[in-house]
């Protein structure tokens, strides 16, 4: 199982979507980092990360997401995370990253947020 699902689709409203699965940990976060660096390099304006397949995230995974968030600030890119399990969401809340990232329950809510 790969971490990033390469369906890498776009919604009708021009938002790119990455479907994530498995564990985002020290072993797998470099793959996610590579994909997100490409998104930052191409100045992806709006990106949704689907966490519905993610079972676990550690500090290396969080660092990868923070790096992408910082890179998007240079070109005013926006990112929304959705579909997190309670377990994964609690990690974000524990380190107060819910204050940094837009974390929503559904794809529809994330899409709406990015189009406001």
PDB file of N, CA and C in Angstrom:
ATOM      1  N   UNK A   1       0.847  -1.171   0.000  1.00  0.00           N
ATOM      2  CA  UNK A   1       0.000   0.000   0.000  1.00  0.00           C
ATOM      3  C   UNK A   1       0.892   1.233   0.000  1.00  0.00           C
ATOM      4  N   UNK A   2       0.638   2.110  -0.923  1.00  0.00           N
ATOM      5  CA  UNK A   2       1.411   3.351  -0.935  1.00  0.00           C
ATOM      6  C   UNK A   2       0.710   4.394  -0.073  1.00  0.00           C
ATOM      7  N   UNK A   3       1.456   5.327   0.352  1.00  0.00           N
ATOM      8  CA  UNK A   3       0.923   6.378   1.199  1.00  0.00           C
ATOM      9  C   UNK A   3       0.020   7.316   0.420  1.00  0.00           C
ATOM     10  N   UNK A   4       0.443   7.702  -0.758  1.00  0.00           N
ATOM     11  CA  UNK A   4      -0.312   8.663  -1.545  1.00  0.00           C
ATOM     12  C   UNK A   4      -0.981   7.936  -2.692  1.00  0.00           C
ATOM     13  N   UNK A   5      -2.272   8.100  -2.795  1.00  0.00           N
ATOM     14  CA  UNK A   5      -3.029   7.512  -3.892  1.00  0.00           C
ATOM     15  C   UNK A   5      -2.866   8.441  -5.091  1.00  0.00           C
ATOM     16  N   UNK A   6      -2.342   7.917  -6.163  1.00  0.00           N
ATOM     17  CA  UNK A   6      -2.010   8.756  -7.313  1.00  0.00           C
ATOM     18  C   UNK A   6      -3.195   9.103  -8.184  1.00  0.00           C
ATOM     19  N   UNK A   7      -4.402   8.905  -7.672  1.00  0.00           N
ATOM     20  CA  UNK A   7      -5.563   9.389  -8.414  1.00  0.00           C
ATOM     21  C   UNK A   7      -5.444  10.893  -8.560  1.00  0.00           C
ATOM     22  N   UNK A   8      -4.860  11.514  -7.555  1.00  0.00           N
ATOM     23  CA  UNK A   8      -4.487  12.926  -7.622  1.00  0.00           C
ATOM     24  C   UNK A   8      -5.469  13.729  -8.473  1.00  0.00           C
ATOM     25  N   UNK A   9      -6.721  13.639  -8.122  1.00  0.00           N
ATOM     26  CA  UNK A   9      -7.779  14.207  -8.942  1.00  0.00           C
ATOM     27  C   UNK A   9      -8.004  15.682  -8.664  1.00  0.00           C
ATOM     28  N   UNK A  10      -8.784  16.281  -9.534  1.00  0.00           N
ATOM     29  CA  UNK A  10      -9.229  17.656  -9.335  1.00  0.00           C
ATOM     30  C   UNK A  10     -10.745  17.638  -9.247  1.00  0.00           C
ATOM     31  N   UNK A  11     -11.272  18.516  -8.429  1.00  0.00           N
ATOM     32  CA  UNK A  11     -12.716  18.659  -8.366  1.00  0.00           C
ATOM     33  C   UNK A  11     -13.162  19.540  -9.526  1.00  0.00           C
ATOM     34  N   UNK A  12     -14.454  19.642  -9.652  1.00  0.00           N
ATOM     35  CA  UNK A  12     -15.000  20.499 -10.703  1.00  0.00           C
ATOM     36  C   UNK A  12     -14.606  21.959 -10.480  1.00  0.00           C
ATOM     37  N   UNK A  13     -14.248  22.294  -9.271  1.00  0.00           N
ATOM     38  CA  UNK A  13     -13.935  23.681  -8.934  1.00  0.00           C
ATOM     39  C   UNK A  13     -12.438  23.957  -8.929  1.00  0.00           C
ATOM     40  N   UNK A  14     -11.646  23.075  -9.517  1.00  0.00           N
ATOM     41  CA  UNK A  14     -10.219  23.318  -9.654  1.00  0.00           C
ATOM     42  C   UNK A  14      -9.378  23.035  -8.426  1.00  0.00           C
ATOM     43  N   UNK A  15      -9.917  22.310  -7.477  1.00  0.00           N
ATOM     44  CA  UNK A  15      -9.156  21.977  -6.272  1.00  0.00           C
ATOM     45  C   UNK A  15      -8.516  20.613  -6.475  1.00  0.00           C
ATOM     46  N   UNK A  16      -7.219  20.522  -6.198  1.00  0.00           N
ATOM     47  CA  UNK A  16      -6.547  19.231  -6.295  1.00  0.00           C
ATOM     48  C   UNK A  16      -6.774  18.442  -5.018  1.00  0.00           C
ATOM     49  N   UNK A  17      -6.873  17.118  -5.172  1.00  0.00           N
ATOM     50  CA  UNK A  17      -7.152  16.241  -4.044  1.00  0.00           C
ATOM     51  C   UNK A  17      -6.116  15.129  -4.003  1.00  0.00           C
ATOM     52  N   UNK A  18      -5.514  14.924  -2.840  1.00  0.00           N
ATOM     53  CA  UNK A  18      -4.632  13.782  -2.622  1.00  0.00           C
ATOM     54  C   UNK A  18      -5.292  12.868  -1.602  1.00  0.00           C
ATOM     55  N   UNK A  19      -5.440  11.606  -1.959  1.00  0.00           N
ATOM     56  CA  UNK A  19      -6.001  10.627  -1.041  1.00  0.00           C
ATOM     57  C   UNK A  19      -4.849   9.901  -0.358  1.00  0.00           C
ATOM     58  N   UNK A  20      -4.784  10.014   0.955  1.00  0.00           N
ATOM     59  CA  UNK A  20      -3.707   9.418   1.731  1.00  0.00           C
ATOM     60  C   UNK A  20      -4.200   8.142   2.396  1.00  0.00           C
ATOM     61  N   UNK A  21      -3.267   7.197   2.613  1.00  0.00           N
ATOM     62  CA  UNK A  21      -3.661   5.960   3.283  1.00  0.00           C
ATOM     63  C   UNK A  21      -2.489   5.395   4.067  1.00  0.00           C
ATOM     64  N   UNK A  22      -2.816   4.536   5.021  1.00  0.00           N
ATOM     65  CA  UNK A  22      -1.792   3.889   5.826  1.00  0.00           C
ATOM     66  C   UNK A  22      -1.308   4.773   6.948  1.00  0.00           C
ATOM     67  N   UNK A  23      -0.042   4.593   7.297  1.00  0.00           N
ATOM     68  CA  UNK A  23       0.585   5.351   8.375  1.00  0.00           C
ATOM     69  C   UNK A  23       1.485   6.430   7.790  1.00  0.00           C
ATOM     70  N   UNK A  24       1.362   7.635   8.299  1.00  0.00           N
ATOM     71  CA  UNK A  24       2.265   8.715   7.905  1.00  0.00           C
ATOM     72  C   UNK A  24       3.289   8.809   9.024  1.00  0.00           C
ATOM     73  N   UNK A  25       4.364   8.079   8.849  1.00  0.00           N
ATOM     74  CA  UNK A  25       5.385   7.973   9.892  1.00  0.00           C
ATOM     75  C   UNK A  25       6.772   8.167   9.288  1.00  0.00           C
ATOM     76  N   UNK A  26       7.798   7.925  10.085  1.00  0.00           N
ATOM     77  CA  UNK A  26       9.179   8.139   9.644  1.00  0.00           C
ATOM     78  C   UNK A  26       9.495   7.363   8.365  1.00  0.00           C
ATOM     79  N   UNK A  27       8.916   6.203   8.221  1.00  0.00           N
ATOM     80  CA  UNK A  27       9.161   5.373   7.037  1.00  0.00           C
ATOM     81  C   UNK A  27       8.472   5.935   5.789  1.00  0.00           C
ATOM     82  N   UNK A  28       7.249   6.442   5.944  1.00  0.00           N
ATOM     83  CA  UNK A  28       6.450   6.856   4.793  1.00  0.00           C
ATOM     84  C   UNK A  28       6.401   8.357   4.530  1.00  0.00           C
ATOM     85  N   UNK A  29       6.754   9.171   5.502  1.00  0.00           N
ATOM     86  CA  UNK A  29       6.630  10.617   5.295  1.00  0.00           C
ATOM     87  C   UNK A  29       7.528  11.159   4.174  1.00  0.00           C
ATOM     88  N   UNK A  30       8.690  10.545   3.871  1.00  0.00           N
ATOM     89  CA  UNK A  30       9.463  11.069   2.733  1.00  0.00           C
ATOM     90  C   UNK A  30       8.702  11.006   1.399  1.00  0.00           C
ATOM     91  N   UNK A  31       7.879   9.983   1.220  1.00  0.00           N
ATOM     92  CA  UNK A  31       7.071   9.885  -0.005  1.00  0.00           C
ATOM     93  C   UNK A  31       6.071  11.039  -0.067  1.00  0.00           C
ATOM     94  N   UNK A  32       5.418  11.305   1.054  1.00  0.00           N
ATOM     95  CA  UNK A  32       4.470  12.414   1.098  1.00  0.00           C
ATOM     96  C   UNK A  32       5.197  13.741   0.899  1.00  0.00           C
ATOM     97  N   UNK A  33       6.354  13.893   1.513  1.00  0.00           N
ATOM     98  CA  UNK A  33       7.148  15.123   1.374  1.00  0.00           C
ATOM     99  C   UNK A  33       7.467  15.383  -0.104  1.00  0.00           C
ATOM    100  N   UNK A  34       7.857  14.342  -0.818  1.00  0.00           N
ATOM    101  CA  UNK A  34       8.189  14.490  -2.241  1.00  0.00           C
ATOM    102  C   UNK A  34       6.981  14.968  -3.045  1.00  0.00           C
ATOM    103  N   UNK A  35       5.832  14.381  -2.794  1.00  0.00           N
ATOM    104  CA  UNK A  35       4.616  14.774  -3.508  1.00  0.00           C
ATOM    105  C   UNK A  35       4.243  16.220  -3.171  1.00  0.00           C
ATOM    106  N   UNK A  36       4.295  16.560  -1.897  1.00  0.00           N
ATOM    107  CA  UNK A  36       3.921  17.917  -1.494  1.00  0.00           C
ATOM    108  C   UNK A  36       4.920  18.958  -1.992  1.00  0.00           C
ATOM    109  N   UNK A  37       6.185  18.598  -2.073  1.00  0.00           N
ATOM    110  CA  UNK A  37       7.174  19.528  -2.630  1.00  0.00           C
ATOM    111  C   UNK A  37       6.867  19.822  -4.097  1.00  0.00           C
ATOM    112  N   UNK A  38       6.421  18.810  -4.821  1.00  0.00           N
ATOM    113  CA  UNK A  38       6.033  19.027  -6.227  1.00  0.00           C
ATOM    114  C   UNK A  38       4.820  19.942  -6.306  1.00  0.00           C
ATOM    115  N   UNK A  39       3.875  19.752  -5.390  1.00  0.00           N
ATOM    116  CA  UNK A  39       2.686  20.623  -5.370  1.00  0.00           C
ATOM    117  C   UNK A  39       3.093  22.061  -5.073  1.00  0.00           C
ATOM    118  N   UNK A  40       4.017  22.243  -4.161  1.00  0.00           N
ATOM    119  CA  UNK A  40       4.486  23.591  -3.831  1.00  0.00           C
ATOM    120  C   UNK A  40       5.257  24.191  -5.006  1.00  0.00           C
ATOM    121  N   UNK A  41       6.077  23.380  -5.666  1.00  0.00           N
ATOM    122  CA  UNK A  41       6.871  23.871  -6.797  1.00  0.00           C
ATOM    123  C   UNK A  41       5.986  24.321  -7.953  1.00  0.00           C
ATOM    124  N   UNK A  42       4.845  23.655  -8.137  1.00  0.00           N
ATOM    125  CA  UNK A  42       3.927  24.039  -9.211  1.00  0.00           C
ATOM    126  C   UNK A  42       2.883  25.046  -8.731  1.00  0.00           C
ATOM    127  N   UNK A  43       3.065  25.508  -7.495  1.00  0.00           N
ATOM    128  CA  UNK A  43       2.192  26.518  -6.900  1.00  0.00           C
ATOM    129  C   UNK A  43       0.716  26.109  -6.959  1.00  0.00           C
ATOM    130  N   UNK A  44       0.463  24.912  -6.483  1.00  0.00           N
ATOM    131  CA  UNK A  44      -0.908  24.421  -6.400  1.00  0.00           C
ATOM    132  C   UNK A  44      -1.698  25.365  -5.509  1.00  0.00           C
ATOM    133  N   UNK A  45      -2.682  26.008  -6.097  1.00  0.00           N
ATOM    134  CA  UNK A  45      -3.418  27.064  -5.393  1.00  0.00           C
ATOM    135  C   UNK A  45      -4.288  26.517  -4.272  1.00  0.00           C
ATOM    136  N   UNK A  46      -4.989  25.412  -4.544  1.00  0.00           N
ATOM    137  CA  UNK A  46      -5.904  24.830  -3.558  1.00  0.00           C
ATOM    138  C   UNK A  46      -5.695  23.321  -3.523  1.00  0.00           C
ATOM    139  N   UNK A  47      -5.461  22.796  -2.326  1.00  0.00           N
ATOM    140  CA  UNK A  47      -5.206  21.368  -2.170  1.00  0.00           C
ATOM    141  C   UNK A  47      -5.996  20.820  -0.990  1.00  0.00           C
ATOM    142  N   UNK A  48      -6.677  19.714  -1.239  1.00  0.00           N
ATOM    143  CA  UNK A  48      -7.362  19.000  -0.165  1.00  0.00           C
ATOM    144  C   UNK A  48      -6.621  17.693   0.070  1.00  0.00           C
ATOM    145  N   UNK A  49      -6.372  17.382   1.332  1.00  0.00           N
ATOM    146  CA  UNK A  49      -5.752  16.118   1.711  1.00  0.00           C
ATOM    147  C   UNK A  49      -6.808  15.251   2.383  1.00  0.00           C
ATOM    148  N   UNK A  50      -7.096  14.119   1.763  1.00  0.00           N
ATOM    149  CA  UNK A  50      -8.098  13.185   2.267  1.00  0.00           C
ATOM    150  C   UNK A  50      -7.425  12.209   3.220  1.00  0.00           C
ATOM    151  N   UNK A  51      -7.712  12.340   4.492  1.00  0.00           N
ATOM    152  CA  UNK A  51      -7.117  11.513   5.535  1.00  0.00           C
ATOM    153  C   UNK A  51      -7.964  10.297   5.881  1.00  0.00           C
ATOM    154  N   UNK A  52      -9.012  10.015   5.123  1.00  0.00           N
ATOM    155  CA  UNK A  52      -9.921   8.938   5.513  1.00  0.00           C
ATOM    156  C   UNK A  52      -9.247   7.569   5.553  1.00  0.00           C
ATOM    157  N   UNK A  53      -8.142   7.393   4.833  1.00  0.00           N
ATOM    158  CA  UNK A  53      -7.431   6.118   4.857  1.00  0.00           C
ATOM    159  C   UNK A  53      -6.227   6.100   5.791  1.00  0.00           C
ATOM    160  N   UNK A  54      -5.991   7.193   6.517  1.00  0.00           N
ATOM    161  CA  UNK A  54      -4.825   7.291   7.396  1.00  0.00           C
ATOM    162  C   UNK A  54      -5.171   6.747   8.778  1.00  0.00           C
ATOM    163  N   UNK A  55      -4.354   5.817   9.230  1.00  0.00           N
ATOM    164  CA  UNK A  55      -4.594   5.198  10.531  1.00  0.00           C
ATOM    165  C   UNK A  55      -3.729   5.801  11.637  1.00  0.00           C
ATOM    166  N   UNK A  56      -2.598   6.409  11.260  1.00  0.00           N
ATOM    167  CA  UNK A  56      -1.636   6.890  12.258  1.00  0.00           C
ATOM    168  C   UNK A  56      -0.777   7.972  11.630  1.00  0.00           C
ATOM    169  N   UNK A  57      -0.404   8.969  12.430  1.00  0.00           N
ATOM    170  CA  UNK A  57       0.553   9.984  11.994  1.00  0.00           C
ATOM    171  C   UNK A  57       1.479  10.288  13.166  1.00  0.00           C
ATOM    172  N   UNK A  58       2.776  10.419  12.871  1.00  0.00           N
ATOM    173  CA  UNK A  58       3.737  10.757  13.920  1.00  0.00           C
ATOM    174  C   UNK A  58       4.334  12.133  13.648  1.00  0.00           C
ATOM    175  N   UNK A  59       5.326  12.506  14.437  1.00  0.00           N
ATOM    176  CA  UNK A  59       5.906  13.847  14.329  1.00  0.00           C
ATOM    177  C   UNK A  59       6.558  14.102  12.976  1.00  0.00           C
ATOM    178  N   UNK A  60       7.107  13.073  12.346  1.00  0.00           N
ATOM    179  CA  UNK A  60       7.712  13.282  11.019  1.00  0.00           C
ATOM    180  C   UNK A  60       6.631  13.595   9.986  1.00  0.00           C
ATOM    181  N   UNK A  61       5.488  12.975  10.120  1.00  0.00           N
ATOM    182  CA  UNK A  61       4.364  13.280   9.233  1.00  0.00           C
ATOM    183  C   UNK A  61       3.850  14.688   9.458  1.00  0.00           C
ATOM    184  N   UNK A  62       3.748  15.078  10.723  1.00  0.00           N
ATOM    185  CA  UNK A  62       3.310  16.435  11.036  1.00  0.00           C
ATOM    186  C   UNK A  62       4.303  17.459  10.494  1.00  0.00           C
ATOM    187  N   UNK A  63       5.599  17.177  10.635  1.00  0.00           N
ATOM    188  CA  UNK A  63       6.636  18.086  10.124  1.00  0.00           C
ATOM    189  C   UNK A  63       6.515  18.238   8.610  1.00  0.00           C
ATOM    190  N   UNK A  64       6.217  17.163   7.924  1.00  0.00           N
ATOM    191  CA  UNK A  64       6.045  17.199   6.469  1.00  0.00           C
ATOM    192  C   UNK A  64       4.893  18.129   6.095  1.00  0.00           C
ATOM    193  N   UNK A  65       3.792  18.032   6.814  1.00  0.00           N
ATOM    194  CA  UNK A  65       2.640  18.891   6.532  1.00  0.00           C
ATOM    195  C   UNK A  65       2.942  20.356   6.853  1.00  0.00           C
ATOM    196  N   UNK A  66       3.663  20.587   7.925  1.00  0.00           N
ATOM    197  CA  UNK A  66       4.036  21.959   8.293  1.00  0.00           C
ATOM    198  C   UNK A  66       4.954  22.560   7.228  1.00  0.00           C
ATOM    199  N   UNK A  67       5.889  21.770   6.716  1.00  0.00           N
ATOM    200  CA  UNK A  67       6.771  22.251   5.636  1.00  0.00           C
ATOM    201  C   UNK A  67       5.949  22.685   4.427  1.00  0.00           C
ATOM    202  N   UNK A  68       4.960  21.870   4.066  1.00  0.00           N
ATOM    203  CA  UNK A  68       4.121  22.227   2.919  1.00  0.00           C
ATOM    204  C   UNK A  68       3.338  23.505   3.218  1.00  0.00           C
ATOM    205  N   UNK A  69       2.767  23.595   4.404  1.00  0.00           N
ATOM    206  CA  UNK A  69       2.010  24.786   4.786  1.00  0.00           C
ATOM    207  C   UNK A  69       2.887  26.036   4.665  1.00  0.00           C
ATOM    208  N   UNK A  70       4.112  25.962   5.152  1.00  0.00           N
ATOM    209  CA  UNK A  70       5.025  27.104   5.074  1.00  0.00           C
ATOM    210  C   UNK A  70       5.358  27.447   3.625  1.00  0.00           C
ATOM    211  N   UNK A  71       5.535  26.421   2.792  1.00  0.00           N
ATOM    212  CA  UNK A  71       5.853  26.658   1.379  1.00  0.00           C
ATOM    213  C   UNK A  71       4.694  27.336   0.657  1.00  0.00           C
ATOM    214  N   UNK A  72       3.458  27.021   1.035  1.00  0.00           N
ATOM    215  CA  UNK A  72       2.294  27.596   0.354  1.00  0.00           C
ATOM    216  C   UNK A  72       2.103  29.074   0.685  1.00  0.00           C
ATOM    217  N   UNK A  73       2.639  29.504   1.790  1.00  0.00           N
ATOM    218  CA  UNK A  73       2.475  30.902   2.188  1.00  0.00           C
ATOM    219  C   UNK A  73       3.149  31.844   1.189  1.00  0.00           C
ATOM    220  N   UNK A  74       4.188  31.371   0.525  1.00  0.00           N
ATOM    221  CA  UNK A  74       4.908  32.203  -0.440  1.00  0.00           C
ATOM    222  C   UNK A  74       4.038  32.571  -1.633  1.00  0.00           C
ATOM    223  N   UNK A  75       3.091  31.705  -1.990  1.00  0.00           N
ATOM    224  CA  UNK A  75       2.244  31.979  -3.149  1.00  0.00           C
ATOM    225  C   UNK A  75       0.756  32.009  -2.767  1.00  0.00           C
ATOM    226  N   UNK A  76       0.480  32.132  -1.476  1.00  0.00           N
ATOM    227  CA  UNK A  76      -0.888  32.227  -0.965  1.00  0.00           C
ATOM    228  C   UNK A  76      -1.730  31.005  -1.311  1.00  0.00           C
ATOM    229  N   UNK A  77      -1.075  29.840  -1.307  1.00  0.00           N
ATOM    230  CA  UNK A  77      -1.801  28.593  -1.514  1.00  0.00           C
ATOM    231  C   UNK A  77      -2.603  28.233  -0.277  1.00  0.00           C
ATOM    232  N   UNK A  78      -3.612  27.427  -0.483  1.00  0.00           N
ATOM    233  CA  UNK A  78      -4.465  27.014   0.634  1.00  0.00           C
ATOM    234  C   UNK A  78      -4.569  25.498   0.662  1.00  0.00           C
ATOM    235  N   UNK A  79      -4.652  24.960   1.858  1.00  0.00           N
ATOM    236  CA  UNK A  79      -4.776  23.512   2.033  1.00  0.00           C
ATOM    237  C   UNK A  79      -5.841  23.237   3.088  1.00  0.00           C
ATOM    238  N   UNK A  80      -6.633  22.197   2.837  1.00  0.00           N
ATOM    239  CA  UNK A  80      -7.647  21.761   3.805  1.00  0.00           C
ATOM    240  C   UNK A  80      -7.507  20.258   3.982  1.00  0.00           C
ATOM    241  N   UNK A  81      -7.620  19.818   5.210  1.00  0.00           N
ATOM    242  CA  UNK A  81      -7.530  18.401   5.552  1.00  0.00           C
ATOM    243  C   UNK A  81      -8.921  17.927   5.937  1.00  0.00           C
ATOM    244  N   UNK A  82      -9.283  16.717   5.515  1.00  0.00           N
ATOM    245  CA  UNK A  82     -10.601  16.209   5.883  1.00  0.00           C
ATOM    246  C   UNK A  82     -10.568  14.687   6.015  1.00  0.00           C
ATOM    247  N   UNK A  83     -11.609  14.173   6.652  1.00  0.00           N
ATOM    248  CA  UNK A  83     -11.785  12.728   6.765  1.00  0.00           C
ATOM    249  C   UNK A  83     -10.947  12.056   7.837  1.00  0.00           C
ATOM    250  N   UNK A  84     -10.477  12.790   8.833  1.00  0.00           N
ATOM    251  CA  UNK A  84      -9.604  12.209   9.867  1.00  0.00           C
ATOM    252  C   UNK A  84     -10.386  11.350  10.849  1.00  0.00           C
ATOM    253  N   UNK A  85      -9.768  10.269  11.242  1.00  0.00           N
ATOM    254  CA  UNK A  85     -10.319   9.472  12.335  1.00  0.00           C
ATOM    255  C   UNK A  85     -10.127  10.255  13.630  1.00  0.00           C
ATOM    256  N   UNK A  86     -10.845   9.875  14.667  1.00  0.00           N
ATOM    257  CA  UNK A  86     -10.687  10.548  15.961  1.00  0.00           C
ATOM    258  C   UNK A  86      -9.251  10.429  16.464  1.00  0.00           C
ATOM    259  N   UNK A  87      -8.647   9.268  16.225  1.00  0.00           N
ATOM    260  CA  UNK A  87      -7.275   9.028  16.690  1.00  0.00           C
ATOM    261  C   UNK A  87      -6.289   9.996  16.029  1.00  0.00           C
ATOM    262  N   UNK A  88      -6.382  10.130  14.717  1.00  0.00           N
ATOM    263  CA  UNK A  88      -5.467  11.022  13.990  1.00  0.00           C
ATOM    264  C   UNK A  88      -5.745  12.474  14.354  1.00  0.00           C
ATOM    265  N   UNK A  89      -7.010  12.823  14.433  1.00  0.00           N
ATOM    266  CA  UNK A  89      -7.364  14.205  14.778  1.00  0.00           C
ATOM    267  C   UNK A  89      -6.845  14.568  16.165  1.00  0.00           C
ATOM    268  N   UNK A  90      -6.856  13.619  17.090  1.00  0.00           N
ATOM    269  CA  UNK A  90      -6.381  13.908  18.446  1.00  0.00           C
ATOM    270  C   UNK A  90      -4.897  14.261  18.457  1.00  0.00           C
ATOM    271  N   UNK A  91      -4.124  13.701  17.527  1.00  0.00           N
ATOM    272  CA  UNK A  91      -2.699  14.053  17.431  1.00  0.00           C
ATOM    273  C   UNK A  91      -2.566  15.522  17.025  1.00  0.00           C
ATOM    274  N   UNK A  92      -3.353  15.946  16.040  1.00  0.00           N
ATOM    275  CA  UNK A  92      -3.328  17.346  15.612  1.00  0.00           C
ATOM    276  C   UNK A  92      -3.749  18.265  16.749  1.00  0.00           C
ATOM    277  N   UNK A  93      -4.770  17.871  17.480  1.00  0.00           N
ATOM    278  CA  UNK A  93      -5.257  18.698  18.586  1.00  0.00           C
ATOM    279  C   UNK A  93      -4.247  18.761  19.727  1.00  0.00           C
ATOM    280  N   UNK A  94      -3.583  17.648  19.987  1.00  0.00           N
ATOM    281  CA  UNK A  94      -2.607  17.588  21.072  1.00  0.00           C
ATOM    282  C   UNK A  94      -1.491  18.608  20.885  1.00  0.00           C
ATOM    283  N   UNK A  95      -1.028  18.766  19.650  1.00  0.00           N
ATOM    284  CA  UNK A  95       0.059  19.713  19.373  1.00  0.00           C
ATOM    285  C   UNK A  95      -0.460  21.043  18.804  1.00  0.00           C
ATOM    286  N   UNK A  96      -1.753  21.235  18.919  1.00  0.00           N
ATOM    287  CA  UNK A  96      -2.434  22.469  18.545  1.00  0.00           C
ATOM    288  C   UNK A  96      -2.310  22.828  17.063  1.00  0.00           C
ATOM    289  N   UNK A  97      -2.196  21.835  16.212  1.00  0.00           N
ATOM    290  CA  UNK A  97      -2.123  22.107  14.774  1.00  0.00           C
ATOM    291  C   UNK A  97      -3.503  22.350  14.165  1.00  0.00           C
ATOM    292  N   UNK A  98      -4.535  22.125  14.945  1.00  0.00           N
ATOM    293  CA  UNK A  98      -5.868  22.500  14.500  1.00  0.00           C
ATOM    294  C   UNK A  98      -6.001  24.008  14.360  1.00  0.00           C
ATOM    295  N   UNK A  99      -5.088  24.731  14.987  1.00  0.00           N
ATOM    296  CA  UNK A  99      -5.061  26.188  14.878  1.00  0.00           C
ATOM    297  C   UNK A  99      -4.324  26.647  13.619  1.00  0.00           C
ATOM    298  N   UNK A 100      -3.538  25.750  13.036  1.00  0.00           N
ATOM    299  CA  UNK A 100      -2.755  26.067  11.840  1.00  0.00           C
ATOM    300  C   UNK A 100      -3.466  25.580  10.584  1.00  0.00           C
ATOM    301  N   UNK A 101      -3.930  24.349  10.634  1.00  0.00           N
ATOM    302  CA  UNK A 101      -4.565  23.728   9.471  1.00  0.00           C
ATOM    303  C   UNK A 101      -6.081  23.815   9.552  1.00  0.00           C
ATOM    304  N   UNK A 102      -6.694  23.919   8.396  1.00  0.00           N
ATOM    305  CA  UNK A 102      -8.141  23.814   8.302  1.00  0.00           C
ATOM    306  C   UNK A 102      -8.463  22.327   8.268  1.00  0.00           C
ATOM    307  N   UNK A 103      -9.110  21.837   9.327  1.00  0.00           N
ATOM    308  CA  UNK A 103      -9.442  20.420   9.436  1.00  0.00           C
ATOM    309  C   UNK A 103     -10.964  20.296   9.462  1.00  0.00           C
ATOM    310  N   UNK A 104     -11.490  19.620   8.463  1.00  0.00           N
ATOM    311  CA  UNK A 104     -12.930  19.483   8.342  1.00  0.00           C
ATOM    312  C   UNK A 104     -13.317  18.010   8.277  1.00  0.00           C
ATOM    313  N   UNK A 105     -14.586  17.739   8.498  1.00  0.00           N
ATOM    314  CA  UNK A 105     -15.043  16.348   8.534  1.00  0.00           C
ATOM    315  C   UNK A 105     -15.193  15.745   7.147  1.00  0.00           C
ATOM    316  N   UNK A 106     -15.781  16.493   6.222  1.00  0.00           N
ATOM    317  CA  UNK A 106     -16.115  15.907   4.920  1.00  0.00           C
ATOM    318  C   UNK A 106     -15.422  16.611   3.761  1.00  0.00           C
ATOM    319  N   UNK A 107     -15.380  15.915   2.661  1.00  0.00           N
ATOM    320  CA  UNK A 107     -14.820  16.470   1.425  1.00  0.00           C
ATOM    321  C   UNK A 107     -15.601  17.715   1.005  1.00  0.00           C
ATOM    322  N   UNK A 108     -16.913  17.648   1.139  1.00  0.00           N
ATOM    323  CA  UNK A 108     -17.763  18.763   0.734  1.00  0.00           C
ATOM    324  C   UNK A 108     -17.455  20.012   1.561  1.00  0.00           C
ATOM    325  N   UNK A 109     -17.253  19.834   2.880  1.00  0.00           N
ATOM    326  CA  UNK A 109     -16.930  20.973   3.745  1.00  0.00           C
ATOM    327  C   UNK A 109     -15.571  21.556   3.366  1.00  0.00           C
ATOM    328  N   UNK A 110     -14.608  20.694   3.055  1.00  0.00           N
ATOM    329  CA  UNK A 110     -13.270  21.164   2.673  1.00  0.00           C
ATOM    330  C   UNK A 110     -13.335  21.923   1.359  1.00  0.00           C
ATOM    331  N   UNK A 111     -14.078  21.396   0.419  1.00  0.00           N
ATOM    332  CA  UNK A 111     -14.223  22.062  -0.879  1.00  0.00           C
ATOM    333  C   UNK A 111     -14.878  23.426  -0.720  1.00  0.00           C
ATOM    334  N   UNK A 112     -15.913  23.483   0.081  1.00  0.00           N
ATOM    335  CA  UNK A 112     -16.603  24.741   0.315  1.00  0.00           C
ATOM    336  C   UNK A 112     -15.670  25.755   0.978  1.00  0.00           C
ATOM    337  N   UNK A 113     -14.901  25.305   1.958  1.00  0.00           N
ATOM    338  CA  UNK A 113     -13.970  26.189   2.660  1.00  0.00           C
ATOM    339  C   UNK A 113     -12.933  26.778   1.713  1.00  0.00           C
ATOM    340  N   UNK A 114     -12.395  25.960   0.829  1.00  0.00           N
ATOM    341  CA  UNK A 114     -11.354  26.445  -0.087  1.00  0.00           C
ATOM    342  C   UNK A 114     -11.916  27.378  -1.160  1.00  0.00           C
ATOM    343  N   UNK A 115     -13.206  27.309  -1.404  1.00  0.00           N
ATOM    344  CA  UNK A 115     -13.799  28.161  -2.425  1.00  0.00           C
ATOM    345  C   UNK A 115     -14.443  29.422  -1.856  1.00  0.00           C
ATOM    346  N   UNK A 116     -14.251  29.669  -0.576  1.00  0.00           N
ATOM    347  CA  UNK A 116     -14.787  30.904   0.030  1.00  0.00           C
ATOM    348  C   UNK A 116     -13.854  32.060  -0.208  1.00  0.00           C
TER     349      UNK A 116
END
